Amino acid sequence: MLAIIGGTGLTQMQGLEVKARKQVSTQWGEPSAEIVEGVLAGQSVLFLARHGHPHRIPPHKVNYRANIQALKDAGATAIIAVNAVGGIHPGCEPAGLMIPDQIVDYTYGREHTFFADDLDEVVHIDFSWPYDEPLRQQVISHARELNLAALEQGTYAATQGPRLETAGEIKRLANDGCDIVGMTGMPEAALAREVDLPYVCIALVVNMAAGLTDEIITMADIEKALHDGMGKVLALLDKTIQGYSA
């Protein structure tokens, strides 16, 4: 069963026929919100709002371990994460999409692994390719079917937040080979790998990153891009869920 983690702009799933809402707890604490079980595009799905509903938990305070564990316990077999990001790559534009294939972690101080304490042995997961390629290709194929102009590869820079980045930091990220920047990609992706859940990201570009245009980044512009782009995200989720094969 596919699980959707909704980020900024997606605190509830449009068109989801809700069957149950479960307030759960895990050994890592409580997830950001209730686990919603429902039917979308004729398929059973799970939904979790990463920042809570209403949107109230900043990126560095999200209990990523509890979120991933709760979805695993609820029967998730794969996760599609939706992330609002800033664009660095020249091909990015507000309200545009990217399906990244790599990630660079610049976060700090977050609980980033299930394998920290009381271990029988030290665990090192292979994270060479952080996103599940078969599932990523399914998402890409459905984006093509819908004629969505989604960039089909790129590197996600995960920064600490909650502030936006400086122009100097964006220049550094670009020099590091990063194409988009967000605050929630890690440790979420790594935790999913640790519990063997295939994981992909649909990134919605909501602004061009600091210093790449002459414009000051405003929440009004970000909200407009969220409004303009979320329809594409929902259409892609609907198509992917409809055609999902494990």
Protein backbone atom coordinates (compact mmCIF):
# COMPACT_ATOMS: atom_id res chain seq x y z
CA MET A 1 0.00 0.00 0.00
CA LEU A 2 1.40 3.36 -1.02
CA ALA A 3 1.83 6.05 1.61
CA ILE A 4 1.88 9.76 0.78
CA ILE A 5 3.77 12.20 2.98
CA GLY A 6 2.41 15.67 2.31
CA GLY A 7 4.63 18.69 2.82
CA THR A 8 3.93 22.42 2.76
CA GLY A 9 0.77 23.03 0.77
CA LEU A 10 -0.45 19.44 1.11
CA THR A 11 -1.82 18.91 4.61
CA GLN A 12 -4.79 16.92 3.33
CA MET A 13 -5.39 14.88 0.18
CA GLN A 14 -7.97 16.23 -2.24
CA GLY A 15 -10.19 13.42 -3.57
CA LEU A 16 -9.21 10.95 -0.84
CA GLU A 17 -12.16 8.85 0.35
CA VAL A 18 -11.31 8.63 4.03
CA LYS A 19 -11.94 5.26 5.67
CA ALA A 20 -10.21 5.82 9.01
CA ARG A 21 -8.15 8.35 10.93
CA LYS A 22 -5.80 6.88 13.48
CA GLN A 23 -3.97 8.76 16.22
CA VAL A 24 -1.00 6.51 16.88
CA SER A 25 2.18 6.40 18.93
CA THR A 26 5.48 4.67 18.26
CA GLN A 27 8.57 3.78 20.26
CA TRP A 28 10.02 7.03 18.85
CA GLY A 29 7.09 9.17 19.97
CA GLU A 30 4.08 10.51 18.12
CA PRO A 31 4.04 11.25 14.38
CA SER A 32 3.27 14.72 13.08
CA ALA A 33 -0.43 13.98 12.60
CA GLU A 34 -2.95 11.19 12.50
CA ILE A 35 -2.50 8.45 9.92
CA VAL A 36 -5.29 8.75 7.37
CA GLU A 37 -6.37 5.56 5.65
CA GLY A 38 -8.43 5.93 2.51
CA VAL A 39 -9.07 5.18 -1.13
CA LEU A 40 -7.71 7.29 -3.97
CA ALA A 41 -7.90 6.39 -7.65
CA GLY A 42 -9.47 3.10 -6.61
CA GLN A 43 -6.48 2.08 -4.48
CA SER A 44 -5.99 1.91 -0.73
CA VAL A 45 -3.49 4.53 0.44
CA LEU A 46 -2.13 6.07 3.60
CA PHE A 47 -1.59 9.80 4.11
CA LEU A 48 0.44 11.71 6.68
CA ALA A 49 0.89 15.49 6.91
CA ARG A 50 4.60 16.01 7.60
CA HIS A 51 4.14 19.37 9.32
CA GLY A 52 0.91 18.42 11.09
CA HIS A 53 -2.64 19.49 10.33
CA PRO A 54 -2.87 22.40 10.68
CA HIS A 55 0.63 23.17 9.38
CA ARG A 56 2.52 23.91 12.62
CA ILE A 57 5.71 21.84 12.93
CA PRO A 58 8.86 23.44 11.47
CA PRO A 59 11.24 21.25 9.43
CA HIS A 60 13.89 20.85 12.13
CA LYS A 61 11.26 19.79 14.71
CA VAL A 62 9.50 17.08 12.66
CA ASN A 63 9.69 13.67 14.35
CA TYR A 64 10.87 11.90 11.22
CA ARG A 65 11.50 8.60 13.00
CA ALA A 66 7.96 8.47 14.38
CA ASN A 67 6.50 9.40 10.98
CA ILE A 68 8.30 6.64 9.09
CA GLN A 69 7.70 4.07 11.82
CA ALA A 70 3.99 4.92 11.99
CA LEU A 71 3.58 4.45 8.23
CA LYS A 72 5.50 1.18 8.32
CA ASP A 73 3.34 -0.09 11.19
CA ALA A 74 0.17 0.96 9.32
CA GLY A 75 1.08 -1.27 6.38
CA ALA A 76 2.89 1.03 3.98
CA THR A 77 4.91 -0.80 1.33
CA ALA A 78 6.34 2.34 -0.32
CA ILE A 79 6.35 6.10 0.22
CA ILE A 80 5.90 9.03 -2.12
CA ALA A 81 7.04 12.22 -0.41
CA VAL A 82 5.89 15.64 -1.61
CA ASN A 83 8.35 18.45 -0.88
CA ALA A 84 8.17 22.18 -1.54
CA VAL A 85 11.62 23.35 -2.66
CA GLY A 86 13.62 26.24 -4.01
CA GLY A 87 15.01 25.97 -7.52
CA ILE A 88 18.75 26.18 -8.21
CA HIS A 89 19.04 24.42 -11.58
CA PRO A 90 18.46 26.79 -14.53
CA GLY A 91 15.67 24.53 -15.76
CA CYS A 92 13.64 25.09 -12.61
CA GLU A 93 10.72 27.49 -12.53
CA PRO A 94 8.10 28.32 -9.89
CA ALA A 95 5.25 25.76 -9.91
CA GLY A 96 7.50 23.33 -11.81
CA LEU A 97 8.30 19.75 -10.76
CA MET A 98 11.44 17.70 -10.28
CA ILE A 99 11.81 13.99 -9.50
CA PRO A 100 15.28 14.00 -7.89
CA ASP A 101 17.64 11.03 -8.00
CA GLN A 102 20.23 12.23 -5.47
CA ILE A 103 20.38 14.09 -2.16
CA VAL A 104 23.02 15.92 -0.13
CA ASP A 105 22.41 16.30 3.60
CA TYR A 106 23.34 19.64 5.21
CA THR A 107 21.10 19.19 8.26
CA TYR A 108 22.37 18.81 11.81
CA GLY A 109 21.07 17.88 15.24
CA ARG A 110 18.15 15.80 13.94
CA GLU A 111 17.39 12.28 15.11
CA HIS A 112 18.48 10.71 11.85
CA THR A 113 18.65 6.94 12.37
CA PHE A 114 16.82 4.02 13.95
CA PHE A 115 20.17 2.37 14.61
CA ALA A 116 21.64 4.44 17.42
CA ASP A 117 21.16 2.64 20.74
CA ASP A 118 20.98 -0.88 22.21
CA LEU A 119 22.31 -2.50 19.05
CA ASP A 120 23.49 -6.08 18.69
CA GLU A 121 25.81 -4.80 15.97
CA VAL A 122 26.48 -1.56 14.11
CA VAL A 123 24.28 -1.12 11.02
CA HIS A 124 25.36 0.71 7.85
CA ILE A 125 22.73 0.97 5.11
CA ASP A 126 23.71 1.38 1.47
CA PHE A 127 22.51 4.86 0.53
CA SER A 128 24.37 5.28 -2.76
CA TRP A 129 21.10 5.86 -4.58
CA PRO A 130 18.76 7.36 -2.00
CA TYR A 131 15.55 7.17 -4.03
CA ASP A 132 14.02 3.88 -5.17
CA GLU A 133 14.71 3.74 -8.90
CA PRO A 134 11.85 1.42 -10.02
CA LEU A 135 9.29 3.58 -8.21
CA ARG A 136 11.00 6.76 -9.43
CA GLN A 137 10.67 5.52 -13.00
CA GLN A 138 6.97 4.84 -12.46
CA VAL A 139 6.48 8.43 -11.31
CA ILE A 140 8.47 9.75 -14.28
CA SER A 141 6.48 7.61 -16.72
CA HIS A 142 3.19 8.93 -15.34
CA ALA A 143 4.45 12.52 -15.50
CA ARG A 144 5.19 11.98 -19.18
CA GLU A 145 1.72 10.50 -19.74
CA LEU A 146 0.22 13.63 -18.20
CA ASN A 147 2.50 15.89 -20.28
CA LEU A 148 3.90 17.44 -17.13
CA ALA A 149 7.20 19.23 -17.67
CA ALA A 150 8.98 17.54 -14.76
CA LEU A 151 12.77 17.50 -14.55
CA GLU A 152 13.57 13.79 -14.32
CA GLN A 153 16.76 13.89 -12.30
CA GLY A 154 18.58 16.24 -9.97
CA THR A 155 20.17 16.59 -6.56
CA TYR A 156 18.16 17.73 -3.56
CA ALA A 157 20.08 19.80 -0.99
CA ALA A 158 18.53 19.24 2.46
CA THR A 159 19.17 22.26 4.68
CA GLN A 160 18.33 22.83 8.32
CA GLY A 161 15.78 25.65 8.18
CA PRO A 162 13.47 27.04 9.20
CA ARG A 163 14.97 30.18 7.66
CA LEU A 164 15.56 30.36 3.95
CA GLU A 165 19.14 30.24 2.70
CA THR A 166 21.49 33.13 1.98
CA ALA A 167 22.62 33.89 -1.56
CA GLY A 168 26.10 32.76 -0.52
CA GLU A 169 24.78 29.43 0.72
CA ILE A 170 22.90 28.87 -2.53
CA LYS A 171 26.08 29.60 -4.47
CA ARG A 172 27.84 26.96 -2.37
CA LEU A 173 25.04 24.44 -2.96
CA ALA A 174 25.21 25.08 -6.71
CA ASN A 175 28.98 24.55 -6.61
CA ASP A 176 28.32 21.29 -4.76
CA GLY A 177 26.15 20.14 -7.66
CA CYS A 178 22.74 20.64 -6.04
CA ASP A 179 19.73 21.44 -8.21
CA ILE A 180 16.97 22.11 -5.67
CA VAL A 181 16.95 23.02 -1.99
CA GLY A 182 14.51 22.04 0.74
CA MET A 183 14.38 21.42 4.47
CA THR A 184 12.65 18.05 4.85
CA GLY A 185 14.34 15.59 2.50
CA MET A 186 16.59 14.26 5.25
CA PRO A 187 16.58 12.23 7.40
CA GLU A 188 13.23 11.12 5.96
CA ALA A 189 14.72 9.37 2.92
CA ALA A 190 17.40 7.56 4.93
CA LEU A 191 14.95 6.40 7.59
CA ALA A 192 12.71 4.91 4.90
CA ARG A 193 15.73 3.00 3.58
CA GLU A 194 16.53 1.75 7.08
CA VAL A 195 13.11 0.06 7.32
CA ASP A 196 13.16 -1.16 3.70
CA LEU A 197 10.44 1.14 2.40
CA PRO A 198 10.96 2.23 -1.24
CA TYR A 199 10.89 6.02 -1.20
CA VAL A 200 10.68 8.72 -3.87
CA CYS A 201 10.25 12.47 -3.86
CA ILE A 202 8.02 14.69 -5.96
CA ALA A 203 9.53 18.14 -5.53
CA LEU A 204 7.42 21.20 -6.26
CA VAL A 205 9.51 24.30 -6.95
CA VAL A 206 7.90 27.22 -5.12
CA ASN A 207 10.61 29.87 -5.66
CA MET A 208 13.96 30.37 -7.29
CA ALA A 209 16.60 30.17 -4.58
CA ALA A 210 18.24 33.22 -2.99
CA GLY A 211 20.43 35.33 -5.23
CA LEU A 212 19.39 33.65 -8.50
CA THR A 213 16.99 36.46 -9.44
CA ASP A 214 16.76 40.13 -8.55
CA GLU A 215 13.54 39.47 -6.66
CA ILE A 216 13.19 39.18 -2.88
CA ILE A 217 11.58 35.88 -1.88
CA THR A 218 8.17 36.51 -0.35
CA MET A 219 5.64 34.16 1.24
CA ALA A 220 3.02 35.58 -1.13
CA ASP A 221 5.05 34.38 -4.14
CA ILE A 222 5.64 30.98 -2.51
CA GLU A 223 1.95 30.57 -1.77
CA LYS A 224 1.08 31.45 -5.37
CA ALA A 225 3.50 28.82 -6.69
CA LEU A 226 2.05 26.28 -4.27
CA HIS A 227 -1.43 27.11 -5.54
CA ASP A 228 -0.37 26.99 -9.19
CA GLY A 229 1.67 23.80 -8.88
CA MET A 230 -0.26 21.63 -6.43
CA GLY A 231 -2.77 20.62 -9.09
CA LYS A 232 0.10 19.04 -11.05
CA VAL A 233 1.27 17.21 -7.94
CA LEU A 234 -2.21 15.87 -7.20
CA ALA A 235 -2.70 14.74 -10.80
CA LEU A 236 0.66 12.95 -10.72
CA LEU A 237 -0.14 11.30 -7.38
CA ASP A 238 -3.53 10.17 -8.68
CA LYS A 239 -2.00 8.67 -11.83
CA THR A 240 0.84 7.00 -9.94
CA ILE A 241 -1.45 5.49 -7.32
CA GLN A 242 -3.79 4.24 -10.06
CA GLY A 243 -0.95 2.48 -11.88
CA TYR A 244 1.18 1.52 -8.89
CA SER A 245 2.87 -1.86 -8.97
CA ALA A 246 5.20 -2.98 -6.17
